[in-house]
Amino acid sequence: MFDQRTVGAENLPMPAQWHRISVHNEQLVYVEGDIETRVYNDRINDQVKSIPEICVRRDGKIQLMQSGDSDVSKSLEELKKHLPGQ
């Protein structure tokens, strides 16, 4: 599987990386962002661990896919408007 972005002079497709996303409702969600690795100290096992995360920033995208409807695309700024305290 690969996405539609191109890389380099030859315009080779860049492979997509798939990650598990937890959503606590019954909608499908498309998330696009930067993959970053977070490093932390596990105090229980006294080990340094790292986990990959998808960081959705200003250039990222979240799309809520609703069955029977066209997909609803919202920018990060649009989502922030609906957060409590905003």
PDB file of N, CA and C in Angstrom:
ATOM      1  N   MET A   1       0.845  -1.176   0.000  1.00  0.00           N
ATOM      2  CA  MET A   1       0.000   0.000   0.000  1.00  0.00           C
ATOM      3  C   MET A   1       0.888   1.236   0.000  1.00  0.00           C
ATOM      4  N   PHE A   2       0.462   2.257  -0.672  1.00  0.00           N
ATOM      5  CA  PHE A   2       1.202   3.508  -0.655  1.00  0.00           C
ATOM      6  C   PHE A   2       0.243   4.668  -0.858  1.00  0.00           C
ATOM      7  N   ASP A   3       0.706   5.833  -0.420  1.00  0.00           N
ATOM      8  CA  ASP A   3      -0.122   7.022  -0.588  1.00  0.00           C
ATOM      9  C   ASP A   3       0.249   7.717  -1.891  1.00  0.00           C
ATOM     10  N   GLN A   4      -0.328   8.883  -2.117  1.00  0.00           N
ATOM     11  CA  GLN A   4      -0.163   9.561  -3.395  1.00  0.00           C
ATOM     12  C   GLN A   4       0.990  10.561  -3.413  1.00  0.00           C
ATOM     13  N   ARG A   5       1.693  10.740  -2.300  1.00  0.00           N
ATOM     14  CA  ARG A   5       2.799  11.691  -2.285  1.00  0.00           C
ATOM     15  C   ARG A   5       3.962  11.161  -3.114  1.00  0.00           C
ATOM     16  N   THR A   6       4.763  12.059  -3.631  1.00  0.00           N
ATOM     17  CA  THR A   6       5.926  11.658  -4.413  1.00  0.00           C
ATOM     18  C   THR A   6       7.184  12.197  -3.758  1.00  0.00           C
ATOM     19  N   VAL A   7       8.283  11.476  -3.950  1.00  0.00           N
ATOM     20  CA  VAL A   7       9.538  11.824  -3.297  1.00  0.00           C
ATOM     21  C   VAL A   7      10.660  11.816  -4.324  1.00  0.00           C
ATOM     22  N   GLY A   8      11.522  12.827  -4.273  1.00  0.00           N
ATOM     23  CA  GLY A   8      12.719  12.834  -5.099  1.00  0.00           C
ATOM     24  C   GLY A   8      12.453  13.165  -6.552  1.00  0.00           C
ATOM     25  N   ALA A   9      13.553  13.150  -7.320  1.00  0.00           N
ATOM     26  CA  ALA A   9      13.476  13.520  -8.734  1.00  0.00           C
ATOM     27  C   ALA A   9      12.687  12.509  -9.549  1.00  0.00           C
ATOM     28  N   GLU A  10      12.694  11.244  -9.128  1.00  0.00           N
ATOM     29  CA  GLU A  10      12.004  10.214  -9.901  1.00  0.00           C
ATOM     30  C   GLU A  10      10.514  10.133  -9.577  1.00  0.00           C
ATOM     31  N   ASN A  11      10.052  10.931  -8.616  1.00  0.00           N
ATOM     32  CA  ASN A  11       8.651  10.926  -8.189  1.00  0.00           C
ATOM     33  C   ASN A  11       8.170   9.526  -7.804  1.00  0.00           C
ATOM     34  N   LEU A  12       8.988   8.840  -7.030  1.00  0.00           N
ATOM     35  CA  LEU A  12       8.611   7.516  -6.546  1.00  0.00           C
ATOM     36  C   LEU A  12       7.578   7.648  -5.436  1.00  0.00           C
ATOM     37  N   PRO A  13       6.586   6.770  -5.395  1.00  0.00           N
ATOM     38  CA  PRO A  13       5.610   6.841  -4.315  1.00  0.00           C
ATOM     39  C   PRO A  13       6.253   6.531  -2.970  1.00  0.00           C
ATOM     40  N   MET A  14       5.871   7.292  -1.948  1.00  0.00           N
ATOM     41  CA  MET A  14       6.364   7.062  -0.604  1.00  0.00           C
ATOM     42  C   MET A  14       5.405   6.090   0.090  1.00  0.00           C
ATOM     43  N   PRO A  15       5.895   5.015   0.687  1.00  0.00           N
ATOM     44  CA  PRO A  15       4.996   4.043   1.314  1.00  0.00           C
ATOM     45  C   PRO A  15       4.259   4.641   2.506  1.00  0.00           C
ATOM     46  N   ALA A  16       3.010   4.252   2.671  1.00  0.00           N
ATOM     47  CA  ALA A  16       2.219   4.686   3.821  1.00  0.00           C
ATOM     48  C   ALA A  16       2.582   3.822   5.017  1.00  0.00           C
ATOM     49  N   GLN A  17       2.491   4.396   6.195  1.00  0.00           N
ATOM     50  CA  GLN A  17       2.686   3.635   7.422  1.00  0.00           C
ATOM     51  C   GLN A  17       1.348   3.596   8.136  1.00  0.00           C
ATOM     52  N   TRP A  18       0.941   2.432   8.565  1.00  0.00           N
ATOM     53  CA  TRP A  18      -0.361   2.247   9.185  1.00  0.00           C
ATOM     54  C   TRP A  18      -0.197   2.070  10.681  1.00  0.00           C
ATOM     55  N   HIS A  19      -1.017   2.775  11.455  1.00  0.00           N
ATOM     56  CA  HIS A  19      -0.962   2.723  12.914  1.00  0.00           C
ATOM     57  C   HIS A  19      -2.370   2.557  13.462  1.00  0.00           C
ATOM     58  N   ARG A  20      -2.448   2.018  14.655  1.00  0.00           N
ATOM     59  CA  ARG A  20      -3.735   1.860  15.327  1.00  0.00           C
ATOM     60  C   ARG A  20      -4.143   3.192  15.955  1.00  0.00           C
ATOM     61  N   ILE A  21      -5.388   3.580  15.750  1.00  0.00           N
ATOM     62  CA  ILE A  21      -5.954   4.802  16.315  1.00  0.00           C
ATOM     63  C   ILE A  21      -7.138   4.393  17.179  1.00  0.00           C
ATOM     64  N   SER A  22      -7.216   4.904  18.400  1.00  0.00           N
ATOM     65  CA  SER A  22      -8.343   4.593  19.278  1.00  0.00           C
ATOM     66  C   SER A  22      -9.396   5.683  19.166  1.00  0.00           C
ATOM     67  N   VAL A  23     -10.582   5.299  18.736  1.00  0.00           N
ATOM     68  CA  VAL A  23     -11.715   6.211  18.628  1.00  0.00           C
ATOM     69  C   VAL A  23     -12.864   5.558  19.371  1.00  0.00           C
ATOM     70  N   HIS A  24     -13.465   6.290  20.290  1.00  0.00           N
ATOM     71  CA  HIS A  24     -14.483   5.697  21.151  1.00  0.00           C
ATOM     72  C   HIS A  24     -15.898   6.040  20.697  1.00  0.00           C
ATOM     73  N   ASN A  25     -16.148   5.838  19.423  1.00  0.00           N
ATOM     74  CA  ASN A  25     -17.496   5.884  18.872  1.00  0.00           C
ATOM     75  C   ASN A  25     -17.501   4.961  17.661  1.00  0.00           C
ATOM     76  N   GLU A  26     -18.553   4.938  16.912  1.00  0.00           N
ATOM     77  CA  GLU A  26     -18.658   3.967  15.824  1.00  0.00           C
ATOM     78  C   GLU A  26     -18.385   4.568  14.451  1.00  0.00           C
ATOM     79  N   GLN A  27     -17.525   5.572  14.371  1.00  0.00           N
ATOM     80  CA  GLN A  27     -17.181   6.175  13.095  1.00  0.00           C
ATOM     81  C   GLN A  27     -15.776   5.759  12.683  1.00  0.00           C
ATOM     82  N   LEU A  28     -15.557   5.701  11.381  1.00  0.00           N
ATOM     83  CA  LEU A  28     -14.207   5.519  10.869  1.00  0.00           C
ATOM     84  C   LEU A  28     -13.523   6.874  10.849  1.00  0.00           C
ATOM     85  N   VAL A  29     -12.232   6.904  11.147  1.00  0.00           N
ATOM     86  CA  VAL A  29     -11.492   8.155  11.210  1.00  0.00           C
ATOM     87  C   VAL A  29     -10.216   8.021  10.386  1.00  0.00           C
ATOM     88  N   TYR A  30      -9.969   9.015   9.521  1.00  0.00           N
ATOM     89  CA  TYR A  30      -8.725   9.102   8.761  1.00  0.00           C
ATOM     90  C   TYR A  30      -7.879  10.178   9.419  1.00  0.00           C
ATOM     91  N   VAL A  31      -6.628   9.846   9.784  1.00  0.00           N
ATOM     92  CA  VAL A  31      -5.738  10.792  10.449  1.00  0.00           C
ATOM     93  C   VAL A  31      -4.478  10.931   9.608  1.00  0.00           C
ATOM     94  N   GLU A  32      -4.088  12.178   9.335  1.00  0.00           N
ATOM     95  CA  GLU A  32      -2.865  12.451   8.579  1.00  0.00           C
ATOM     96  C   GLU A  32      -2.020  13.422   9.377  1.00  0.00           C
ATOM     97  N   GLY A  33      -0.784  13.062   9.611  1.00  0.00           N
ATOM     98  CA  GLY A  33       0.106  13.925  10.376  1.00  0.00           C
ATOM     99  C   GLY A  33       1.540  13.444  10.268  1.00  0.00           C
ATOM    100  N   ASP A  34       2.385  13.966  11.132  1.00  0.00           N
ATOM    101  CA  ASP A  34       3.799  13.600  11.141  1.00  0.00           C
ATOM    102  C   ASP A  34       4.018  12.448  12.110  1.00  0.00           C
ATOM    103  N   ILE A  35       4.843  11.490  11.704  1.00  0.00           N
ATOM    104  CA  ILE A  35       5.188  10.391  12.596  1.00  0.00           C
ATOM    105  C   ILE A  35       6.414  10.807  13.388  1.00  0.00           C
ATOM    106  N   GLU A  36       6.271  10.798  14.705  1.00  0.00           N
ATOM    107  CA  GLU A  36       7.365  11.154  15.597  1.00  0.00           C
ATOM    108  C   GLU A  36       7.520  10.048  16.626  1.00  0.00           C
ATOM    109  N   THR A  37       8.705   9.936  17.171  1.00  0.00           N
ATOM    110  CA  THR A  37       8.962   8.936  18.196  1.00  0.00           C
ATOM    111  C   THR A  37       9.098   9.636  19.536  1.00  0.00           C
ATOM    112  N   ARG A  38       8.278   9.223  20.488  1.00  0.00           N
ATOM    113  CA  ARG A  38       8.341   9.780  21.842  1.00  0.00           C
ATOM    114  C   ARG A  38       9.160   8.826  22.696  1.00  0.00           C
ATOM    115  N   VAL A  39      10.140   9.362  23.408  1.00  0.00           N
ATOM    116  CA  VAL A  39      10.997   8.570  24.284  1.00  0.00           C
ATOM    117  C   VAL A  39      10.626   8.913  25.722  1.00  0.00           C
ATOM    118  N   TYR A  40      10.483   7.873  26.544  1.00  0.00           N
ATOM    119  CA  TYR A  40      10.138   8.097  27.943  1.00  0.00           C
ATOM    120  C   TYR A  40      10.810   7.050  28.820  1.00  0.00           C
ATOM    121  N   ASN A  41      10.897   7.342  30.118  1.00  0.00           N
ATOM    122  CA  ASN A  41      11.466   6.412  31.095  1.00  0.00           C
ATOM    123  C   ASN A  41      10.345   5.623  31.740  1.00  0.00           C
ATOM    124  N   ASP A  42      10.403   4.307  31.618  1.00  0.00           N
ATOM    125  CA  ASP A  42       9.442   3.421  32.268  1.00  0.00           C
ATOM    126  C   ASP A  42       9.926   3.210  33.696  1.00  0.00           C
ATOM    127  N   ARG A  43       9.274   3.846  34.638  1.00  0.00           N
ATOM    128  CA  ARG A  43       9.714   3.792  36.036  1.00  0.00           C
ATOM    129  C   ARG A  43       9.473   2.429  36.672  1.00  0.00           C
ATOM    130  N   ILE A  44       8.524   1.675  36.149  1.00  0.00           N
ATOM    131  CA  ILE A  44       8.239   0.350  36.704  1.00  0.00           C
ATOM    132  C   ILE A  44       9.377  -0.616  36.378  1.00  0.00           C
ATOM    133  N   ASN A  45       9.807  -0.643  35.113  1.00  0.00           N
ATOM    134  CA  ASN A  45      10.872  -1.559  34.682  1.00  0.00           C
ATOM    135  C   ASN A  45      12.242  -0.898  34.635  1.00  0.00           C
ATOM    136  N   ASP A  46      12.303   0.391  34.940  1.00  0.00           N
ATOM    137  CA  ASP A  46      13.545   1.161  34.893  1.00  0.00           C
ATOM    138  C   ASP A  46      14.228   1.027  33.532  1.00  0.00           C
ATOM    139  N   GLN A  47      13.434   1.241  32.459  1.00  0.00           N
ATOM    140  CA  GLN A  47      13.944   1.159  31.097  1.00  0.00           C
ATOM    141  C   GLN A  47      13.541   2.410  30.322  1.00  0.00           C
ATOM    142  N   VAL A  48      14.347   2.740  29.336  1.00  0.00           N
ATOM    143  CA  VAL A  48      13.997   3.815  28.412  1.00  0.00           C
ATOM    144  C   VAL A  48      13.243   3.182  27.254  1.00  0.00           C
ATOM    145  N   LYS A  49      12.041   3.684  26.969  1.00  0.00           N
ATOM    146  CA  LYS A  49      11.211   3.124  25.899  1.00  0.00           C
ATOM    147  C   LYS A  49      10.868   4.210  24.894  1.00  0.00           C
ATOM    148  N   SER A  50      10.539   3.780  23.689  1.00  0.00           N
ATOM    149  CA  SER A  50      10.118   4.729  22.659  1.00  0.00           C
ATOM    150  C   SER A  50       8.893   4.171  21.950  1.00  0.00           C
ATOM    151  N   ILE A  51       7.985   5.079  21.598  1.00  0.00           N
ATOM    152  CA  ILE A  51       6.778   4.687  20.876  1.00  0.00           C
ATOM    153  C   ILE A  51       6.546   5.676  19.733  1.00  0.00           C
ATOM    154  N   PRO A  52       6.122   5.165  18.570  1.00  0.00           N
ATOM    155  CA  PRO A  52       5.791   6.074  17.468  1.00  0.00           C
ATOM    156  C   PRO A  52       4.411   6.684  17.690  1.00  0.00           C
ATOM    157  N   GLU A  53       4.279   7.950  17.356  1.00  0.00           N
ATOM    158  CA  GLU A  53       3.005   8.656  17.488  1.00  0.00           C
ATOM    159  C   GLU A  53       2.715   9.402  16.199  1.00  0.00           C
ATOM    160  N   ILE A  54       1.443   9.603  15.926  1.00  0.00           N
ATOM    161  CA  ILE A  54       1.040  10.457  14.817  1.00  0.00           C
ATOM    162  C   ILE A  54       0.663  11.804  15.408  1.00  0.00           C
ATOM    163  N   CYS A  55       1.419  12.827  15.069  1.00  0.00           N
ATOM    164  CA  CYS A  55       1.190  14.168  15.596  1.00  0.00           C
ATOM    165  C   CYS A  55       0.463  14.988  14.534  1.00  0.00           C
ATOM    166  N   VAL A  56      -0.762  15.375  14.835  1.00  0.00           N
ATOM    167  CA  VAL A  56      -1.557  16.186  13.917  1.00  0.00           C
ATOM    168  C   VAL A  56      -1.323  17.642  14.299  1.00  0.00           C
ATOM    169  N   ARG A  57      -0.708  18.363  13.386  1.00  0.00           N
ATOM    170  CA  ARG A  57      -0.421  19.770  13.629  1.00  0.00           C
ATOM    171  C   ARG A  57      -1.161  20.610  12.599  1.00  0.00           C
ATOM    172  N   ARG A  58      -0.707  21.820  12.371  1.00  0.00           N
ATOM    173  CA  ARG A  58      -1.401  22.741  11.458  1.00  0.00           C
ATOM    174  C   ARG A  58      -1.576  22.172  10.056  1.00  0.00           C
ATOM    175  N   ASP A  59      -0.603  21.413   9.568  1.00  0.00           N
ATOM    176  CA  ASP A  59      -0.714  20.864   8.217  1.00  0.00           C
ATOM    177  C   ASP A  59      -1.327  19.467   8.204  1.00  0.00           C
ATOM    178  N   GLY A  60      -1.757  18.964   9.354  1.00  0.00           N
ATOM    179  CA  GLY A  60      -2.353  17.637   9.437  1.00  0.00           C
ATOM    180  C   GLY A  60      -3.823  17.647   9.065  1.00  0.00           C
ATOM    181  N   LYS A  61      -4.418  16.467   9.083  1.00  0.00           N
ATOM    182  CA  LYS A  61      -5.809  16.347   8.661  1.00  0.00           C
ATOM    183  C   LYS A  61      -6.492  15.247   9.459  1.00  0.00           C
ATOM    184  N   ILE A  62      -7.732  15.492   9.830  1.00  0.00           N
ATOM    185  CA  ILE A  62      -8.581  14.477  10.440  1.00  0.00           C
ATOM    186  C   ILE A  62      -9.878  14.452   9.651  1.00  0.00           C
ATOM    187  N   GLN A  63     -10.246  13.274   9.180  1.00  0.00           N
ATOM    188  CA  GLN A  63     -11.503  13.135   8.440  1.00  0.00           C
ATOM    189  C   GLN A  63     -12.364  12.109   9.152  1.00  0.00           C
ATOM    190  N   LEU A  64     -13.579  12.508   9.493  1.00  0.00           N
ATOM    191  CA  LEU A  64     -14.545  11.586  10.068  1.00  0.00           C
ATOM    192  C   LEU A  64     -15.344  10.987   8.930  1.00  0.00           C
ATOM    193  N   MET A  65     -15.295   9.688   8.797  1.00  0.00           N
ATOM    194  CA  MET A  65     -15.964   8.996   7.704  1.00  0.00           C
ATOM    195  C   MET A  65     -17.304   8.476   8.218  1.00  0.00           C
ATOM    196  N   GLN A  66     -18.391   9.001   7.693  1.00  0.00           N
ATOM    197  CA  GLN A  66     -19.725   8.613   8.138  1.00  0.00           C
ATOM    198  C   GLN A  66     -20.381   7.758   7.071  1.00  0.00           C
ATOM    199  N   SER A  67     -20.944   6.644   7.484  1.00  0.00           N
ATOM    200  CA  SER A  67     -21.595   5.770   6.515  1.00  0.00           C
ATOM    201  C   SER A  67     -22.819   6.460   5.936  1.00  0.00           C
ATOM    202  N   GLY A  68     -22.993   6.343   4.634  1.00  0.00           N
ATOM    203  CA  GLY A  68     -24.138   6.938   3.961  1.00  0.00           C
ATOM    204  C   GLY A  68     -23.957   8.399   3.603  1.00  0.00           C
ATOM    205  N   ASP A  69     -22.981   9.056   4.170  1.00  0.00           N
ATOM    206  CA  ASP A  69     -22.710  10.462   3.882  1.00  0.00           C
ATOM    207  C   ASP A  69     -21.366  10.566   3.183  1.00  0.00           C
ATOM    208  N   SER A  70     -21.139  11.720   2.564  1.00  0.00           N
ATOM    209  CA  SER A  70     -19.795  11.970   2.056  1.00  0.00           C
ATOM    210  C   SER A  70     -18.894  12.212   3.262  1.00  0.00           C
ATOM    211  N   ASP A  71     -17.602  11.989   3.090  1.00  0.00           N
ATOM    212  CA  ASP A  71     -16.703  12.155   4.229  1.00  0.00           C
ATOM    213  C   ASP A  71     -16.666  13.615   4.656  1.00  0.00           C
ATOM    214  N   VAL A  72     -16.506  13.817   5.956  1.00  0.00           N
ATOM    215  CA  VAL A  72     -16.468  15.152   6.537  1.00  0.00           C
ATOM    216  C   VAL A  72     -15.015  15.451   6.874  1.00  0.00           C
ATOM    217  N   SER A  73     -14.442  16.437   6.225  1.00  0.00           N
ATOM    218  CA  SER A  73     -13.040  16.781   6.441  1.00  0.00           C
ATOM    219  C   SER A  73     -12.970  18.026   7.313  1.00  0.00           C
ATOM    220  N   LYS A  74     -12.224  17.918   8.404  1.00  0.00           N
ATOM    221  CA  LYS A  74     -12.089  19.051   9.308  1.00  0.00           C
ATOM    222  C   LYS A  74     -10.614  19.315   9.557  1.00  0.00           C
ATOM    223  N   SER A  75     -10.242  20.580   9.543  1.00  0.00           N
ATOM    224  CA  SER A  75      -8.870  20.940   9.869  1.00  0.00           C
ATOM    225  C   SER A  75      -8.712  20.933  11.384  1.00  0.00           C
ATOM    226  N   LEU A  76      -7.462  20.981  11.837  1.00  0.00           N
ATOM    227  CA  LEU A  76      -7.195  21.018  13.267  1.00  0.00           C
ATOM    228  C   LEU A  76      -7.826  22.254  13.899  1.00  0.00           C
ATOM    229  N   GLU A  77      -7.775  23.377  13.208  1.00  0.00           N
ATOM    230  CA  GLU A  77      -8.367  24.610  13.733  1.00  0.00           C
ATOM    231  C   GLU A  77      -9.886  24.477  13.875  1.00  0.00           C
ATOM    232  N   GLU A  78     -10.539  23.824  12.921  1.00  0.00           N
ATOM    233  CA  GLU A  78     -11.987  23.622  13.010  1.00  0.00           C
ATOM    234  C   GLU A  78     -12.339  22.733  14.198  1.00  0.00           C
ATOM    235  N   LEU A  79     -11.533  21.700  14.432  1.00  0.00           N
ATOM    236  CA  LEU A  79     -11.791  20.815  15.566  1.00  0.00           C
ATOM    237  C   LEU A  79     -11.587  21.537  16.891  1.00  0.00           C
ATOM    238  N   LYS A  80     -10.579  22.415  16.963  1.00  0.00           N
ATOM    239  CA  LYS A  80     -10.298  23.147  18.201  1.00  0.00           C
ATOM    240  C   LYS A  80     -11.463  24.039  18.606  1.00  0.00           C
ATOM    241  N   LYS A  81     -12.207  24.563  17.629  1.00  0.00           N
ATOM    242  CA  LYS A  81     -13.328  25.457  17.922  1.00  0.00           C
ATOM    243  C   LYS A  81     -14.391  24.770  18.766  1.00  0.00           C
ATOM    244  N   HIS A  82     -14.506  23.449  18.632  1.00  0.00           N
ATOM    245  CA  HIS A  82     -15.558  22.713  19.324  1.00  0.00           C
ATOM    246  C   HIS A  82     -15.096  22.092  20.636  1.00  0.00           C
ATOM    247  N   LEU A  83     -13.836  22.339  21.035  1.00  0.00           N
ATOM    248  CA  LEU A  83     -13.352  21.806  22.302  1.00  0.00           C
ATOM    249  C   LEU A  83     -13.867  22.656  23.453  1.00  0.00           C
ATOM    250  N   PRO A  84     -14.109  22.044  24.622  1.00  0.00           N
ATOM    251  CA  PRO A  84     -14.546  22.822  25.785  1.00  0.00           C
ATOM    252  C   PRO A  84     -13.501  23.878  26.145  1.00  0.00           C
ATOM    253  N   GLY A  85     -13.949  25.056  26.487  1.00  0.00           N
ATOM    254  CA  GLY A  85     -13.058  26.134  26.890  1.00  0.00           C
ATOM    255  C   GLY A  85     -12.455  26.920  25.742  1.00  0.00           C
ATOM    256  N   GLN A  86     -12.869  26.638  24.512  1.00  0.00           N
ATOM    257  CA  GLN A  86     -12.311  27.352  23.357  1.00  0.00           C
ATOM    258  C   GLN A  86     -13.233  28.464  22.924  1.00  0.00           C
TER     259      GLN A  86
END
